Protein backbone atom coordinates (compact mmCIF):
# COMPACT_ATOMS: atom_id res chain seq x y z
CA MET A 1 93.89 109.56 72.35
CA ILE A 2 92.27 108.63 75.71
CA SER A 3 95.31 108.47 78.48
CA TYR A 4 95.82 105.21 80.52
CA SER A 5 95.39 107.48 83.74
CA LEU A 6 93.59 105.75 86.58
CA LYS A 7 93.53 108.86 88.77
CA ASN A 8 91.36 108.30 91.85
CA GLN A 9 90.35 105.19 91.14
CA ALA A 10 90.23 102.70 93.86
CA ALA A 11 91.45 99.35 92.88
CA LEU A 12 92.06 95.50 94.54
CA VAL A 13 94.54 93.04 93.35
CA THR A 14 94.63 90.15 94.84
CA GLY A 15 97.56 87.93 95.35
CA ALA A 16 99.76 91.32 94.75
CA ASN A 17 102.64 90.71 96.95
CA SER A 18 105.12 88.71 94.20
CA GLY A 19 104.65 87.96 90.65
CA ILE A 20 102.50 89.16 88.19
CA GLY A 21 100.03 90.40 91.08
CA GLU A 22 102.91 92.65 92.24
CA ALA A 23 103.76 93.84 88.82
CA ILE A 24 99.86 94.81 88.08
CA ALA A 25 99.28 96.53 91.33
CA ILE A 26 102.33 98.62 91.12
CA GLY A 27 101.69 99.29 87.81
CA LEU A 28 97.77 100.57 88.58
CA GLY A 29 99.53 102.74 91.17
CA GLU A 30 101.71 104.07 88.76
CA ALA A 31 98.77 105.32 86.35
CA GLY A 32 97.22 106.85 89.63
CA ALA A 33 95.02 104.39 91.23
CA ASN A 34 94.69 104.01 94.70
CA VAL A 35 95.39 99.86 95.68
CA VAL A 36 94.93 97.52 97.84
CA VAL A 37 97.61 95.01 98.22
CA ASN A 38 95.82 91.82 99.28
CA TYR A 39 98.06 88.81 100.21
CA VAL A 40 97.74 85.50 102.29
CA VAL A 41 101.29 84.84 103.82
CA ASP A 42 104.52 87.30 103.71
CA PRO A 43 102.88 90.66 104.77
CA ALA A 44 106.48 92.42 104.54
CA SER A 45 106.42 91.78 101.08
CA ALA A 46 102.87 93.35 100.72
CA GLU A 47 104.10 96.09 102.50
CA ALA A 48 107.30 96.79 100.12
CA VAL A 49 104.86 96.60 97.32
CA ALA A 50 102.54 99.20 98.88
CA ASP A 51 105.36 101.60 99.19
CA LYS A 52 106.21 101.24 96.14
CA ILE A 53 102.71 102.82 94.91
CA ARG A 54 103.00 104.60 97.46
CA SER A 55 106.38 106.48 95.98
CA PHE A 56 104.10 107.31 92.79
CA GLY A 57 101.85 109.60 95.35
CA SER A 58 98.97 107.40 95.02
CA LYS A 59 97.62 105.67 98.20
CA ALA A 60 97.79 101.92 98.88
CA ILE A 61 96.84 99.58 101.73
CA THR A 62 97.85 95.80 102.53
CA LEU A 63 95.20 93.34 103.61
CA LYS A 64 95.41 89.92 104.35
CA ALA A 65 92.57 87.76 103.10
CA ASP A 66 92.09 83.82 101.70
CA VAL A 67 90.24 84.30 98.46
CA SER A 68 88.30 80.81 98.78
CA ASN A 69 87.16 82.14 102.17
CA GLU A 70 83.70 84.06 102.03
CA GLU A 71 84.24 85.72 105.40
CA GLU A 72 87.43 86.89 104.72
CA VAL A 73 86.69 88.29 101.45
CA LYS A 74 83.57 90.13 102.83
CA SER A 75 86.06 91.78 105.56
CA MET A 76 88.89 92.47 103.13
CA TYR A 77 85.89 94.42 100.87
CA LYS A 78 84.39 96.61 104.09
CA ALA A 79 88.34 97.23 105.05
CA MET A 80 88.46 98.66 101.33
CA PHE A 81 85.55 100.61 101.35
CA LYS A 82 86.39 102.04 104.66
CA GLU A 83 89.98 103.24 103.41
CA PHE A 84 88.90 104.00 99.78
CA GLY A 85 85.29 104.49 99.54
CA THR A 86 84.25 102.31 96.46
CA ILE A 87 86.00 99.40 94.40
CA ASP A 88 86.34 100.65 90.54
CA ILE A 89 89.34 97.71 89.01
CA LEU A 90 89.15 94.22 90.77
CA VAL A 91 91.94 92.24 89.52
CA ASN A 92 90.85 88.72 90.14
CA ASN A 93 94.67 87.55 89.94
CA ALA A 94 95.29 85.40 93.07
CA GLY A 95 95.89 81.20 92.05
CA LEU A 96 97.98 78.36 92.56
CA GLN A 97 98.91 75.09 91.64
CA ARG A 98 99.03 71.66 92.85
CA ASP A 99 100.18 69.53 90.10
CA ALA A 100 99.82 65.64 90.51
CA ALA A 101 98.97 63.17 87.73
CA PHE A 102 95.64 62.83 87.63
CA HIS A 103 95.29 59.11 88.67
CA GLU A 104 97.27 60.45 92.19
CA MET A 105 95.84 63.43 92.08
CA THR A 106 93.98 63.63 95.67
CA LEU A 107 90.54 65.74 96.21
CA ASP A 108 92.60 68.00 98.49
CA GLN A 109 94.62 68.72 95.56
CA TRP A 110 91.84 69.22 93.26
CA ASN A 111 89.56 71.32 96.09
CA LYS A 112 92.31 73.82 96.71
CA VAL A 113 93.23 74.69 92.89
CA ILE A 114 89.23 75.22 92.30
CA ASN A 115 88.84 76.71 95.23
CA VAL A 116 91.41 79.69 94.68
CA ASN A 117 91.66 79.87 91.23
CA LEU A 118 87.82 80.31 90.31
CA THR A 119 85.39 80.47 93.37
CA GLY A 120 87.94 82.83 94.92
CA GLN A 121 87.53 84.73 91.57
CA PHE A 122 83.48 84.16 92.11
CA LEU A 123 83.56 85.81 95.78
CA CYS A 124 85.73 88.75 94.85
CA ALA A 125 83.87 89.59 91.83
CA ARG A 126 80.53 89.17 93.26
CA GLU A 127 81.18 91.90 96.14
CA ALA A 128 82.93 93.71 93.70
CA ILE A 129 79.86 93.98 91.13
CA ILE A 130 77.37 94.33 94.31
CA GLU A 131 79.31 97.52 94.89
CA MET A 132 79.62 98.95 91.50
CA LEU A 133 75.68 98.59 90.77
CA ARG A 134 75.01 100.42 94.44
CA ARG A 135 77.56 103.30 93.23
CA GLY A 136 76.79 103.70 89.47
CA VAL A 137 78.70 105.31 86.65
CA VAL A 138 80.80 108.19 88.36
CA GLN A 139 82.08 110.30 85.02
CA ASP A 140 85.01 111.92 86.27
CA ARG A 141 86.84 108.69 87.10
CA SER A 142 85.97 106.43 84.41
CA VAL A 143 83.12 106.14 81.74
CA ALA A 144 82.09 102.85 83.10
CA CYS A 145 80.75 101.43 86.18
CA GLY A 146 83.31 99.13 86.80
CA LYS A 147 86.47 97.02 85.42
CA ILE A 148 86.82 93.49 86.30
CA ILE A 149 90.00 91.68 85.07
CA CYS A 150 90.26 87.72 85.21
CA MET A 151 93.68 86.26 85.23
CA SER A 152 93.09 83.30 83.25
CA SER A 153 96.19 81.54 81.28
CA VAL A 154 96.96 79.83 78.14
CA HIS A 155 95.79 76.79 79.70
CA GLU A 156 92.12 77.86 79.22
CA LEU A 157 93.18 76.73 75.62
CA ILE A 158 95.92 74.65 75.94
CA PRO A 159 95.43 71.36 77.53
CA TRP A 160 97.96 70.07 80.27
CA GLY A 161 98.55 66.47 81.02
CA GLY A 162 99.65 66.19 84.81
CA HIS A 163 97.80 69.88 85.80
CA VAL A 164 94.26 68.93 85.10
CA ASN A 165 93.01 70.72 88.53
CA TYR A 166 95.08 73.92 87.27
CA ALA A 167 93.65 74.05 83.58
CA SER A 168 90.48 72.71 84.45
CA SER A 169 90.19 75.84 86.23
CA LYS A 170 91.61 78.12 83.87
CA GLY A 171 89.03 76.84 81.52
CA ALA A 172 86.32 77.47 83.59
CA ILE A 173 87.17 81.49 84.10
CA LYS A 174 86.65 81.89 80.37
CA MET A 175 82.75 80.90 80.95
CA PHE A 176 82.57 82.79 83.96
CA MET A 177 84.44 85.93 82.66
CA GLN A 178 82.26 85.72 79.47
CA SER A 179 78.84 85.14 81.60
CA LEU A 180 79.57 88.08 83.67
CA ALA A 181 80.39 90.37 80.66
CA GLN A 182 77.02 89.33 78.69
CA GLU A 183 75.13 89.67 82.77
CA TYR A 184 76.60 93.18 83.50
CA GLY A 185 77.54 95.01 79.99
CA ASP A 186 74.47 96.95 79.85
CA ARG A 187 75.33 98.49 83.85
CA LYS A 188 78.56 100.01 82.14
CA ILE A 189 80.30 96.79 83.81
CA ARG A 190 83.41 95.41 81.68
CA VAL A 191 84.84 92.21 82.21
CA ASN A 192 88.02 90.57 80.76
CA SER A 193 90.71 88.07 81.05
CA ILE A 194 94.26 87.94 80.66
CA CYS A 195 96.16 84.97 79.13
CA PRO A 196 99.55 84.74 79.88
CA GLY A 197 102.02 82.31 78.76
CA ALA A 198 105.13 81.53 80.42
CA ILE A 199 106.23 84.55 82.64
CA GLN A 200 109.34 84.63 84.49
CA THR A 201 107.90 84.63 88.27
CA PRO A 202 108.67 82.10 91.04
CA ILE A 203 105.69 79.97 90.49
CA ASN A 204 107.28 78.66 87.63
CA THR A 205 110.76 78.76 88.57
CA GLY A 206 111.40 75.22 87.21
CA ALA A 207 110.60 76.10 83.35
CA TRP A 208 113.50 78.68 82.98
CA SER A 209 115.97 78.36 85.91
CA THR A 210 118.61 76.26 83.84
CA PRO A 211 119.93 76.97 80.13
CA GLN A 212 118.48 73.32 79.26
CA ALA A 213 114.78 74.19 80.64
CA LEU A 214 114.79 77.61 79.28
CA ALA A 215 115.48 76.25 75.48
CA SER A 216 113.08 73.45 75.90
CA LEU A 217 110.78 76.34 76.74
CA MET A 218 111.81 78.55 74.30
CA SER A 219 110.84 75.60 71.24
CA LEU A 220 106.94 76.28 72.56
CA ILE A 221 107.39 80.44 72.24
CA PRO A 222 108.06 81.43 68.87
CA TYR A 223 108.50 84.94 70.02
CA ASN A 224 111.52 83.29 71.54
CA ARG A 225 111.66 85.06 75.21
CA ILE A 226 110.07 84.40 78.38
CA GLY A 227 107.01 86.95 79.28
CA GLN A 228 108.05 89.33 82.39
CA PRO A 229 105.49 90.23 84.90
CA VAL A 230 105.26 93.63 83.36
CA ASP A 231 104.23 92.54 80.02
CA ILE A 232 101.00 91.78 82.17
CA ALA A 233 101.06 94.45 84.17
CA ASN A 234 101.39 96.63 80.96
CA LEU A 235 97.95 94.99 79.70
CA ALA A 236 96.35 95.53 83.07
CA VAL A 237 96.59 99.32 83.13
CA PHE A 238 95.20 99.09 79.52
CA LEU A 239 92.17 96.97 80.53
CA ALA A 240 91.55 98.81 83.51
CA SER A 241 91.77 102.52 81.84
CA ASP A 242 89.26 104.14 79.18
CA ALA A 243 91.53 103.93 76.32
CA SER A 244 90.12 99.81 76.28
CA ASP A 245 86.09 100.84 76.77
CA TYR A 246 84.80 99.12 73.95
CA ILE A 247 86.52 95.60 75.14
CA THR A 248 84.36 93.38 77.25
CA GLY A 249 83.92 89.69 77.46
CA ALA A 250 87.60 89.43 76.22
CA SER A 251 90.13 86.67 76.38
CA ILE A 252 93.56 88.43 75.51
CA PHE A 253 96.26 86.21 75.10
CA ILE A 254 99.71 87.37 76.25
CA ASP A 255 102.12 84.97 75.13
CA GLY A 256 104.99 85.34 72.84
CA GLY A 257 102.64 83.35 70.33
CA MET A 258 102.32 79.92 72.32
CA THR A 259 98.99 79.66 71.42
CA VAL A 260 99.68 79.65 67.47
CA PHE A 261 101.71 76.21 68.39
CA GLU A 262 104.74 76.52 66.94
CA GLY A 263 105.69 72.93 66.64
CA PHE A 264 102.90 72.92 63.75
CA ALA A 265 105.29 75.27 61.60
CA GLU A 266 107.59 72.23 60.36
CA GLY A 267 104.38 69.62 60.54
CA GLY A 268 100.98 69.25 61.37
């Protein structure tokens, strides 16, 4: 069986100083990758993540950059290449919400979500692919030229009233990911999406922080538990490894069964 080792590979995880991004960055580091911990605010938490990665014997640096800003993204990659020489793994994780009823949603709320969640993935993936194509396959690191993981959501499939900007960004990520997988598959660049359901992170505290909220959430999840960031990290490490070499262009739902629509078990 092929191992999940990522030894000597260089990884960038955007939005990596908390929540899902933090867990993925730590998981990649534990698997042997050298990791760039990207953040926008709270450098202390980013450095704590980097310290955890270093504790496994991997290298880690923290780099501040707004993924929706082209010049900041280019500067981040320049610093990464100076430190690690290249990029093997990109985890396009940075994302946010600016929720509102659609008829009350401002253009600023729409643009902020689209710019970070979608344009940010474009900017980061473009710079990664440019470097992957320049370098080519390095067999002693990976049989693939590069691995790109796009963080999507169950809401690339499930509509979400009151969150139209967010759901639209995630629906677009599906076509973005699949189009890249189609365009660059013959160059051995694999591109996949992770589609989390309810994960216990600071971004969605209101969905699980009280017994009433948690009970309501469980009515949507057949497996009857809320996901943890490490659940996503485990999948990300697999997708970054050669163990998943025949997987590209896939949206992988990790949601405790949310997308089987449990309510239809008793009706429909």
